[in-house]
Amino acid sequence: MKTKHSNITVTGFNVLVKRIKPETKSAGGIHLPDSSQDVSDIQKGRIVEKGPGLIIPPMPISVDGSSDIDAMLKEVTGLKAQIKYMALDVEIDDIVYYMKNAAESVEIDGTEYDIVPYPAIKLIEHLS
């Protein structure tokens, strides 16, 4: 998946997320101290890039229903093998809530991002 980060390719079942900082003021206008903002294990962020999804391995089945391992190996190692993916249910710019402890922090061009495995995403807010 290529967007404005054309030099970045996210692999597999992962997404690249730009963290959204928590509000520093309450709905009533009261300033919230930093200690009150870090009590949750959930982080909010915006999807910047996404991987192709989970690889679905080819599994040829014979007419009698049994797996033919030799045929499978021939297909996988041959030129006819095509990788298929189970796509991720997120799009670029979606807002996600994910488990902080599952994310890996990276810095790209001076900006902090999280690499988040798809199973760590607990809520998706589709914007389109």
N, C-alpha and C. Protein backbone atom coordinates (compact mmCIF):
# COMPACT_ATOMS: atom_id res chain seq x y z
N MET A 1 0.85 -1.17 0.00
CA MET A 1 0.00 0.00 0.00
C MET A 1 0.90 1.23 0.00
N LYS A 2 0.78 2.08 -0.98
CA LYS A 2 1.61 3.28 -1.07
C LYS A 2 0.75 4.52 -0.94
N THR A 3 1.16 5.43 -0.05
CA THR A 3 0.50 6.72 0.09
C THR A 3 1.58 7.78 0.07
N LYS A 4 1.46 8.82 0.89
CA LYS A 4 2.46 9.88 0.88
C LYS A 4 3.81 9.40 1.39
N HIS A 5 3.87 8.26 2.10
CA HIS A 5 5.13 7.70 2.56
C HIS A 5 5.58 6.66 1.53
N SER A 6 5.93 7.12 0.35
CA SER A 6 6.20 6.21 -0.76
C SER A 6 7.44 5.35 -0.55
N ASN A 7 8.30 5.72 0.37
CA ASN A 7 9.50 4.93 0.61
C ASN A 7 9.29 3.91 1.73
N ILE A 8 8.07 3.78 2.24
CA ILE A 8 7.79 2.86 3.34
C ILE A 8 6.83 1.78 2.87
N THR A 9 7.17 0.53 3.17
CA THR A 9 6.27 -0.59 2.92
C THR A 9 6.03 -1.30 4.24
N VAL A 10 4.79 -1.34 4.68
CA VAL A 10 4.44 -2.06 5.90
C VAL A 10 4.20 -3.51 5.52
N THR A 11 4.73 -4.43 6.29
CA THR A 11 4.64 -5.84 5.94
C THR A 11 3.54 -6.55 6.71
N GLY A 12 3.05 -7.61 6.10
CA GLY A 12 2.15 -8.55 6.76
C GLY A 12 0.90 -7.96 7.37
N PHE A 13 0.65 -8.37 8.59
CA PHE A 13 -0.59 -8.09 9.32
C PHE A 13 -0.39 -6.89 10.24
N ASN A 14 0.36 -5.87 9.78
CA ASN A 14 0.70 -4.71 10.60
C ASN A 14 0.18 -3.43 9.98
N VAL A 15 0.05 -2.40 10.83
CA VAL A 15 -0.31 -1.07 10.36
C VAL A 15 0.67 -0.06 10.98
N LEU A 16 0.90 1.04 10.28
CA LEU A 16 1.71 2.13 10.80
C LEU A 16 0.75 3.22 11.25
N VAL A 17 0.88 3.62 12.53
CA VAL A 17 -0.09 4.53 13.14
C VAL A 17 0.62 5.77 13.67
N LYS A 18 0.05 6.93 13.38
CA LYS A 18 0.50 8.20 13.97
C LYS A 18 -0.34 8.42 15.22
N ARG A 19 0.33 8.46 16.37
CA ARG A 19 -0.39 8.63 17.64
C ARG A 19 -1.13 9.96 17.68
N ILE A 20 -2.31 9.94 18.29
CA ILE A 20 -3.08 11.15 18.55
C ILE A 20 -2.96 11.41 20.04
N LYS A 21 -2.45 12.59 20.37
CA LYS A 21 -2.25 12.93 21.79
C LYS A 21 -3.60 13.12 22.47
N PRO A 22 -3.71 12.69 23.73
CA PRO A 22 -4.97 12.87 24.46
C PRO A 22 -5.24 14.35 24.71
N GLU A 23 -6.51 14.66 24.88
CA GLU A 23 -6.92 16.04 25.16
C GLU A 23 -6.26 16.54 26.44
N THR A 24 -5.85 17.81 26.44
CA THR A 24 -5.25 18.39 27.64
C THR A 24 -6.26 19.19 28.45
N LYS A 25 -7.46 19.33 27.89
CA LYS A 25 -8.53 20.02 28.63
C LYS A 25 -9.77 19.15 28.65
N SER A 26 -10.51 19.22 29.75
CA SER A 26 -11.76 18.48 29.85
C SER A 26 -12.84 19.21 29.05
N ALA A 27 -14.01 18.59 28.91
CA ALA A 27 -15.12 19.20 28.19
C ALA A 27 -15.53 20.52 28.83
N GLY A 28 -15.32 20.65 30.13
CA GLY A 28 -15.65 21.88 30.85
C GLY A 28 -14.56 22.93 30.82
N GLY A 29 -13.42 22.65 30.15
CA GLY A 29 -12.35 23.62 30.02
C GLY A 29 -11.28 23.54 31.09
N ILE A 30 -11.31 22.51 31.92
CA ILE A 30 -10.32 22.35 32.98
C ILE A 30 -9.07 21.69 32.41
N HIS A 31 -7.90 22.24 32.70
CA HIS A 31 -6.63 21.68 32.25
C HIS A 31 -6.37 20.36 32.97
N LEU A 32 -6.08 19.30 32.20
CA LEU A 32 -5.81 17.97 32.76
C LEU A 32 -4.31 17.77 32.92
N PRO A 33 -3.85 17.36 34.10
CA PRO A 33 -2.41 17.11 34.28
C PRO A 33 -1.98 15.86 33.51
N ASP A 34 -0.69 15.79 33.19
CA ASP A 34 -0.15 14.64 32.45
C ASP A 34 -0.43 13.32 33.15
N SER A 35 -0.42 13.30 34.47
CA SER A 35 -0.62 12.05 35.21
C SER A 35 -2.02 11.48 34.99
N SER A 36 -3.00 12.30 34.65
CA SER A 36 -4.36 11.81 34.44
C SER A 36 -4.56 11.30 33.02
N GLN A 37 -3.62 11.56 32.13
CA GLN A 37 -3.78 11.21 30.72
C GLN A 37 -3.19 9.84 30.39
N ASP A 38 -2.30 9.30 31.20
CA ASP A 38 -1.62 8.04 30.88
C ASP A 38 -2.13 6.86 31.69
N VAL A 39 -3.37 6.86 32.12
CA VAL A 39 -3.87 5.78 32.96
C VAL A 39 -4.41 4.61 32.14
N SER A 40 -4.65 4.79 30.86
CA SER A 40 -5.23 3.74 30.02
C SER A 40 -4.15 2.94 29.30
N ASP A 41 -4.45 1.69 29.03
CA ASP A 41 -3.57 0.85 28.22
C ASP A 41 -3.89 0.98 26.74
N ILE A 42 -4.90 1.79 26.41
CA ILE A 42 -5.35 1.98 25.04
C ILE A 42 -4.79 3.29 24.49
N GLN A 43 -4.29 3.26 23.27
CA GLN A 43 -3.78 4.44 22.59
C GLN A 43 -4.64 4.72 21.37
N LYS A 44 -4.87 5.98 21.07
CA LYS A 44 -5.63 6.40 19.90
C LYS A 44 -4.64 6.85 18.83
N GLY A 45 -4.93 6.52 17.57
CA GLY A 45 -4.05 6.95 16.49
C GLY A 45 -4.74 6.90 15.14
N ARG A 46 -4.04 7.43 14.13
CA ARG A 46 -4.55 7.46 12.76
C ARG A 46 -3.69 6.57 11.88
N ILE A 47 -4.33 5.72 11.07
CA ILE A 47 -3.61 4.82 10.16
C ILE A 47 -2.92 5.65 9.08
N VAL A 48 -1.60 5.43 8.94
CA VAL A 48 -0.80 6.12 7.94
C VAL A 48 -0.49 5.18 6.78
N GLU A 49 -0.15 3.96 7.09
CA GLU A 49 0.13 2.92 6.10
C GLU A 49 -0.39 1.60 6.64
N LYS A 50 -0.64 0.65 5.75
CA LYS A 50 -1.07 -0.68 6.19
C LYS A 50 -0.41 -1.75 5.35
N GLY A 51 -0.23 -2.91 5.97
CA GLY A 51 0.33 -4.05 5.26
C GLY A 51 -0.72 -4.72 4.41
N PRO A 52 -0.31 -5.69 3.59
CA PRO A 52 -1.25 -6.37 2.70
C PRO A 52 -2.21 -7.31 3.42
N GLY A 53 -1.88 -7.74 4.62
CA GLY A 53 -2.75 -8.65 5.37
C GLY A 53 -2.06 -9.94 5.73
N LEU A 54 -2.85 -10.89 6.14
CA LEU A 54 -2.35 -12.20 6.55
C LEU A 54 -2.20 -13.10 5.33
N ILE A 55 -1.05 -13.72 5.19
CA ILE A 55 -0.81 -14.61 4.04
C ILE A 55 -1.67 -15.86 4.18
N ILE A 56 -2.37 -16.19 3.10
CA ILE A 56 -3.16 -17.43 3.05
C ILE A 56 -2.36 -18.43 2.23
N PRO A 57 -1.82 -19.46 2.86
CA PRO A 57 -0.99 -20.42 2.13
C PRO A 57 -1.85 -21.29 1.20
N PRO A 58 -1.28 -21.65 0.03
CA PRO A 58 -2.03 -22.54 -0.87
C PRO A 58 -2.14 -23.94 -0.27
N MET A 59 -3.31 -24.52 -0.34
CA MET A 59 -3.53 -25.86 0.20
C MET A 59 -4.30 -26.69 -0.82
N PRO A 60 -3.59 -27.27 -1.80
CA PRO A 60 -4.29 -28.10 -2.78
C PRO A 60 -4.89 -29.34 -2.11
N ILE A 61 -6.09 -29.65 -2.47
CA ILE A 61 -6.81 -30.81 -1.93
C ILE A 61 -7.14 -31.73 -3.09
N SER A 62 -6.88 -33.00 -2.91
CA SER A 62 -7.19 -33.96 -3.97
C SER A 62 -8.69 -34.24 -4.01
N VAL A 63 -9.13 -34.96 -5.01
CA VAL A 63 -10.55 -35.26 -5.20
C VAL A 63 -11.11 -36.02 -4.00
N ASP A 64 -10.31 -36.88 -3.39
CA ASP A 64 -10.81 -37.65 -2.24
C ASP A 64 -10.76 -36.85 -0.93
N GLY A 65 -10.30 -35.57 -0.99
CA GLY A 65 -10.32 -34.71 0.18
C GLY A 65 -9.01 -34.68 0.96
N SER A 66 -8.03 -35.49 0.58
CA SER A 66 -6.77 -35.48 1.33
C SER A 66 -5.81 -34.45 0.74
N SER A 67 -4.92 -33.93 1.56
CA SER A 67 -3.93 -32.96 1.09
C SER A 67 -2.83 -33.69 0.34
N ASP A 68 -2.39 -33.12 -0.73
CA ASP A 68 -1.30 -33.68 -1.51
C ASP A 68 -0.08 -32.79 -1.28
N ILE A 69 0.76 -33.16 -0.32
CA ILE A 69 1.91 -32.35 0.07
C ILE A 69 2.87 -32.14 -1.10
N ASP A 70 3.13 -33.17 -1.90
CA ASP A 70 4.04 -33.02 -3.03
C ASP A 70 3.52 -32.00 -4.02
N ALA A 71 2.23 -32.06 -4.32
CA ALA A 71 1.63 -31.09 -5.25
C ALA A 71 1.70 -29.68 -4.66
N MET A 72 1.47 -29.57 -3.36
CA MET A 72 1.53 -28.26 -2.72
C MET A 72 2.94 -27.67 -2.82
N LEU A 73 3.95 -28.48 -2.51
CA LEU A 73 5.33 -28.00 -2.58
C LEU A 73 5.72 -27.61 -4.00
N LYS A 74 5.25 -28.38 -4.98
CA LYS A 74 5.53 -28.07 -6.37
C LYS A 74 4.89 -26.74 -6.76
N GLU A 75 3.65 -26.51 -6.30
CA GLU A 75 2.95 -25.27 -6.62
C GLU A 75 3.60 -24.07 -5.92
N VAL A 76 4.00 -24.25 -4.67
CA VAL A 76 4.59 -23.14 -3.91
C VAL A 76 5.95 -22.78 -4.47
N THR A 77 6.76 -23.75 -4.85
CA THR A 77 8.10 -23.46 -5.35
C THR A 77 8.12 -23.17 -6.84
N GLY A 78 7.05 -23.48 -7.53
CA GLY A 78 6.98 -23.22 -8.97
C GLY A 78 6.61 -21.78 -9.28
N LEU A 79 6.69 -21.43 -10.54
CA LEU A 79 6.39 -20.07 -10.96
C LEU A 79 4.90 -19.74 -10.89
N LYS A 80 4.06 -20.76 -10.80
CA LYS A 80 2.61 -20.54 -10.78
C LYS A 80 2.11 -20.07 -9.42
N ALA A 81 2.95 -20.18 -8.40
CA ALA A 81 2.52 -19.83 -7.05
C ALA A 81 2.24 -18.33 -6.95
N GLN A 82 1.07 -17.99 -6.44
CA GLN A 82 0.70 -16.60 -6.22
C GLN A 82 0.34 -16.45 -4.75
N ILE A 83 0.90 -15.44 -4.12
CA ILE A 83 0.59 -15.22 -2.72
C ILE A 83 -0.76 -14.53 -2.61
N LYS A 84 -1.60 -15.05 -1.74
CA LYS A 84 -2.91 -14.45 -1.51
C LYS A 84 -2.95 -13.98 -0.06
N TYR A 85 -3.68 -12.89 0.16
CA TYR A 85 -3.75 -12.29 1.49
C TYR A 85 -5.20 -12.15 1.94
N MET A 86 -5.39 -12.26 3.26
CA MET A 86 -6.65 -11.87 3.87
C MET A 86 -6.47 -10.40 4.23
N ALA A 87 -7.20 -9.52 3.57
CA ALA A 87 -6.99 -8.07 3.72
C ALA A 87 -7.37 -7.58 5.11
N LEU A 88 -6.74 -6.48 5.51
CA LEU A 88 -7.05 -5.84 6.78
C LEU A 88 -8.31 -5.00 6.65
N ASP A 89 -9.08 -4.92 7.71
CA ASP A 89 -10.34 -4.17 7.71
C ASP A 89 -10.13 -2.72 8.15
N VAL A 90 -9.05 -2.10 7.70
CA VAL A 90 -8.78 -0.70 7.99
C VAL A 90 -8.35 -0.03 6.70
N GLU A 91 -8.54 1.28 6.65
CA GLU A 91 -8.10 2.08 5.50
C GLU A 91 -7.20 3.19 6.01
N ILE A 92 -6.42 3.77 5.10
CA ILE A 92 -5.58 4.91 5.43
C ILE A 92 -6.49 6.02 5.96
N ASP A 93 -6.05 6.68 7.02
CA ASP A 93 -6.74 7.79 7.71
C ASP A 93 -7.84 7.35 8.67
N ASP A 94 -8.12 6.04 8.78
CA ASP A 94 -9.05 5.57 9.82
C ASP A 94 -8.45 5.86 11.19
N ILE A 95 -9.30 6.11 12.17
CA ILE A 95 -8.87 6.28 13.56
C ILE A 95 -8.99 4.94 14.25
N VAL A 96 -7.94 4.52 14.97
CA VAL A 96 -7.97 3.24 15.66
C VAL A 96 -7.59 3.42 17.13
N TYR A 97 -8.11 2.54 17.96
CA TYR A 97 -7.74 2.45 19.37
C TYR A 97 -7.07 1.10 19.53
N TYR A 98 -5.83 1.10 20.04
CA TYR A 98 -5.05 -0.13 20.09
C TYR A 98 -4.33 -0.26 21.43
N MET A 99 -3.89 -1.47 21.72
CA MET A 99 -3.16 -1.76 22.95
C MET A 99 -1.75 -1.17 22.86
N LYS A 100 -1.43 -0.27 23.79
CA LYS A 100 -0.11 0.38 23.80
C LYS A 100 1.02 -0.63 23.89
N ASN A 101 0.85 -1.64 24.75
CA ASN A 101 1.95 -2.57 25.00
C ASN A 101 2.24 -3.50 23.82
N ALA A 102 1.36 -3.55 22.82
CA ALA A 102 1.59 -4.39 21.65
C ALA A 102 2.31 -3.64 20.53
N ALA A 103 2.37 -2.32 20.64
CA ALA A 103 2.94 -1.49 19.59
C ALA A 103 4.45 -1.32 19.75
N GLU A 104 5.13 -1.19 18.63
CA GLU A 104 6.56 -0.89 18.60
C GLU A 104 6.72 0.54 18.10
N SER A 105 7.38 1.38 18.86
CA SER A 105 7.58 2.77 18.47
C SER A 105 8.75 2.90 17.51
N VAL A 106 8.58 3.73 16.48
CA VAL A 106 9.64 4.03 15.52
C VAL A 106 9.61 5.52 15.22
N GLU A 107 10.75 6.05 14.81
CA GLU A 107 10.82 7.44 14.38
C GLU A 107 11.20 7.46 12.92
N ILE A 108 10.36 8.13 12.11
CA ILE A 108 10.60 8.23 10.67
C ILE A 108 10.59 9.70 10.30
N ASP A 109 11.68 10.17 9.74
CA ASP A 109 11.81 11.58 9.36
C ASP A 109 11.45 12.52 10.50
N GLY A 110 11.86 12.18 11.71
CA GLY A 110 11.64 13.04 12.87
C GLY A 110 10.24 12.95 13.48
N THR A 111 9.40 12.06 12.98
CA THR A 111 8.04 11.90 13.51
C THR A 111 7.90 10.54 14.16
N GLU A 112 7.27 10.50 15.34
CA GLU A 112 7.05 9.24 16.07
C GLU A 112 5.82 8.51 15.52
N TYR A 113 5.97 7.22 15.27
CA TYR A 113 4.88 6.35 14.82
C TYR A 113 4.90 5.09 15.66
N ASP A 114 3.80 4.35 15.60
CA ASP A 114 3.73 3.01 16.19
C ASP A 114 3.47 2.01 15.09
N ILE A 115 4.20 0.89 15.13
CA ILE A 115 3.89 -0.26 14.28
C ILE A 115 3.00 -1.16 15.12
N VAL A 116 1.78 -1.37 14.67
CA VAL A 116 0.78 -2.08 15.47
C VAL A 116 0.34 -3.35 14.74
N PRO A 117 0.44 -4.52 15.39
CA PRO A 117 -0.12 -5.73 14.78
C PRO A 117 -1.65 -5.62 14.79
N TYR A 118 -2.25 -6.05 13.70
CA TYR A 118 -3.71 -5.90 13.55
C TYR A 118 -4.51 -6.44 14.74
N PRO A 119 -4.16 -7.60 15.31
CA PRO A 119 -4.94 -8.10 16.45
C PRO A 119 -4.93 -7.19 17.69
N ALA A 120 -3.98 -6.24 17.76
CA ALA A 120 -3.93 -5.32 18.90
C ALA A 120 -4.93 -4.17 18.76
N ILE A 121 -5.52 -4.02 17.57
CA ILE A 121 -6.51 -2.97 17.35
C ILE A 121 -7.84 -3.43 17.95
N LYS A 122 -8.39 -2.61 18.83
CA LYS A 122 -9.61 -2.97 19.54
C LYS A 122 -10.84 -2.25 19.01
N LEU A 123 -10.65 -1.11 18.33
CA LEU A 123 -11.77 -0.33 17.83
C LEU A 123 -11.30 0.43 16.59
N ILE A 124 -12.16 0.46 15.57
CA ILE A 124 -11.85 1.17 14.34
C ILE A 124 -12.95 2.18 14.07
N GLU A 125 -12.56 3.43 13.81
CA GLU A 125 -13.50 4.48 13.44
C GLU A 125 -13.24 4.78 11.96
N HIS A 126 -14.11 4.22 11.10
CA HIS A 126 -13.94 4.42 9.65
C HIS A 126 -14.38 5.84 9.30
N LEU A 127 -13.51 6.59 8.66
CA LEU A 127 -13.83 7.97 8.34
C LEU A 127 -14.34 8.15 6.93
N SER A 128 -14.24 7.13 6.10
CA SER A 128 -14.74 7.27 4.72
C SER A 128 -15.84 6.27 4.44
